[in-house]
């Protein structure tokens, strides 16, 4: 009885592992006198992508209350 449970668990693990797609993470980072910007894209398969944008003000004085940006 225990052997059947172990075999079932191993089979389930094998099937689930085969379903996981490889993903690729691309990170772009740049810095100026006032800003640090990092853009990360995680690509999964041919039709799925997750993006993250990090912007930090590193200049002197107060950070602006509002910033406008555009990703091309």
C-alpha atoms as a PDB file:
ATOM      1  CA  UNK A   1       0.000   0.000   0.000  1.00  0.00           C
ATOM      2  CA  UNK A   2       2.823   2.433   0.851  1.00  0.00           C
ATOM      3  CA  UNK A   3       4.605   1.611  -2.402  1.00  0.00           C
ATOM      4  CA  UNK A   4       1.547   2.634  -4.421  1.00  0.00           C
ATOM      5  CA  UNK A   5       1.487   5.990  -2.609  1.00  0.00           C
ATOM      6  CA  UNK A   6       5.188   6.582  -3.266  1.00  0.00           C
ATOM      7  CA  UNK A   7       4.845   5.625  -6.931  1.00  0.00           C
ATOM      8  CA  UNK A   8       1.821   7.918  -7.292  1.00  0.00           C
ATOM      9  CA  UNK A   9       3.709  10.802  -5.654  1.00  0.00           C
ATOM     10  CA  UNK A  10       6.748  10.299  -7.906  1.00  0.00           C
ATOM     11  CA  UNK A  11       4.565  10.088 -11.008  1.00  0.00           C
ATOM     12  CA  UNK A  12       2.729  13.300 -10.046  1.00  0.00           C
ATOM     13  CA  UNK A  13       6.034  15.071  -9.437  1.00  0.00           C
ATOM     14  CA  UNK A  14       7.349  13.917 -12.804  1.00  0.00           C
ATOM     15  CA  UNK A  15       4.239  15.144 -14.639  1.00  0.00           C
ATOM     16  CA  UNK A  16       4.254  18.520 -12.882  1.00  0.00           C
ATOM     17  CA  UNK A  17       7.965  19.009 -13.564  1.00  0.00           C
ATOM     18  CA  UNK A  18       7.430  18.330 -17.259  1.00  0.00           C
ATOM     19  CA  UNK A  19       4.739  21.033 -17.396  1.00  0.00           C
ATOM     20  CA  UNK A  20       7.024  23.793 -16.113  1.00  0.00           C
ATOM     21  CA  UNK A  21       8.269  25.983 -18.958  1.00  0.00           C
ATOM     22  CA  UNK A  22      11.661  27.588 -18.986  1.00  0.00           C
ATOM     23  CA  UNK A  23      11.598  31.297 -18.316  1.00  0.00           C
ATOM     24  CA  UNK A  24      14.126  33.932 -19.235  1.00  0.00           C
ATOM     25  CA  UNK A  25      14.689  37.119 -17.225  1.00  0.00           C
ATOM     26  CA  UNK A  26      16.105  40.223 -18.894  1.00  0.00           C
ATOM     27  CA  UNK A  27      17.196  43.194 -16.765  1.00  0.00           C
ATOM     28  CA  UNK A  28      18.125  46.627 -18.064  1.00  0.00           C
ATOM     29  CA  UNK A  29      19.611  49.142 -15.636  1.00  0.00           C
ATOM     30  CA  UNK A  30      20.923  52.674 -16.041  1.00  0.00           C
ATOM     31  CA  UNK A  31      21.831  55.570 -13.801  1.00  0.00           C
ATOM     32  CA  UNK A  32      22.166  59.314 -14.327  1.00  0.00           C
ATOM     33  CA  UNK A  33      23.079  62.095 -11.907  1.00  0.00           C
ATOM     34  CA  UNK A  34      19.530  62.150 -10.563  1.00  0.00           C
ATOM     35  CA  UNK A  35      17.858  58.829 -11.368  1.00  0.00           C
ATOM     36  CA  UNK A  36      18.385  55.090 -11.053  1.00  0.00           C
ATOM     37  CA  UNK A  37      16.135  53.029 -13.332  1.00  0.00           C
ATOM     38  CA  UNK A  38      15.791  49.252 -13.607  1.00  0.00           C
ATOM     39  CA  UNK A  39      13.446  47.464 -16.024  1.00  0.00           C
ATOM     40  CA  UNK A  40      13.010  43.704 -15.751  1.00  0.00           C
ATOM     41  CA  UNK A  41      11.090  41.511 -18.183  1.00  0.00           C
ATOM     42  CA  UNK A  42      10.451  37.850 -17.417  1.00  0.00           C
ATOM     43  CA  UNK A  43       9.548  35.907 -20.559  1.00  0.00           C
ATOM     44  CA  UNK A  44       7.757  32.575 -20.224  1.00  0.00           C
ATOM     45  CA  UNK A  45       7.221  30.615 -23.409  1.00  0.00           C
ATOM     46  CA  UNK A  46       6.267  32.398 -26.609  1.00  0.00           C
ATOM     47  CA  UNK A  47       3.283  34.412 -25.415  1.00  0.00           C
ATOM     48  CA  UNK A  48       3.661  35.395 -21.758  1.00  0.00           C
ATOM     49  CA  UNK A  49       5.709  38.242 -20.292  1.00  0.00           C
ATOM     50  CA  UNK A  50       5.791  39.944 -16.898  1.00  0.00           C
ATOM     51  CA  UNK A  51       7.376  43.391 -16.517  1.00  0.00           C
ATOM     52  CA  UNK A  52       8.657  45.372 -13.553  1.00  0.00           C
ATOM     53  CA  UNK A  53       9.889  48.974 -13.537  1.00  0.00           C
ATOM     54  CA  UNK A  54      11.843  50.436 -10.621  1.00  0.00           C
ATOM     55  CA  UNK A  55      12.626  54.167 -10.549  1.00  0.00           C
ATOM     56  CA  UNK A  56      14.542  55.828  -7.719  1.00  0.00           C
ATOM     57  CA  UNK A  57      15.470  59.496  -7.344  1.00  0.00           C
ATOM     58  CA  UNK A  58      19.103  59.689  -6.216  1.00  0.00           C
ATOM     59  CA  UNK A  59      19.700  63.402  -6.840  1.00  0.00           C
ATOM     60  CA  UNK A  60      20.203  66.096  -4.252  1.00  0.00           C
ATOM     61  CA  UNK A  61      17.220  67.756  -2.638  1.00  0.00           C
ATOM     62  CA  UNK A  62      13.599  66.694  -2.601  1.00  0.00           C
ATOM     63  CA  UNK A  63      12.318  64.140  -5.082  1.00  0.00           C
ATOM     64  CA  UNK A  64       9.673  65.445  -7.501  1.00  0.00           C
ATOM     65  CA  UNK A  65       6.069  64.860  -6.471  1.00  0.00           C
ATOM     66  CA  UNK A  66       5.192  63.528  -9.930  1.00  0.00           C
ATOM     67  CA  UNK A  67       7.151  61.980 -12.774  1.00  0.00           C
ATOM     68  CA  UNK A  68       6.023  61.148 -16.291  1.00  0.00           C
ATOM     69  CA  UNK A  69       7.581  58.290 -18.221  1.00  0.00           C
ATOM     70  CA  UNK A  70       7.036  56.370 -21.404  1.00  0.00           C
ATOM     71  CA  UNK A  71       8.219  52.881 -22.345  1.00  0.00           C
ATOM     72  CA  UNK A  72       8.822  52.526 -26.065  1.00  0.00           C
END
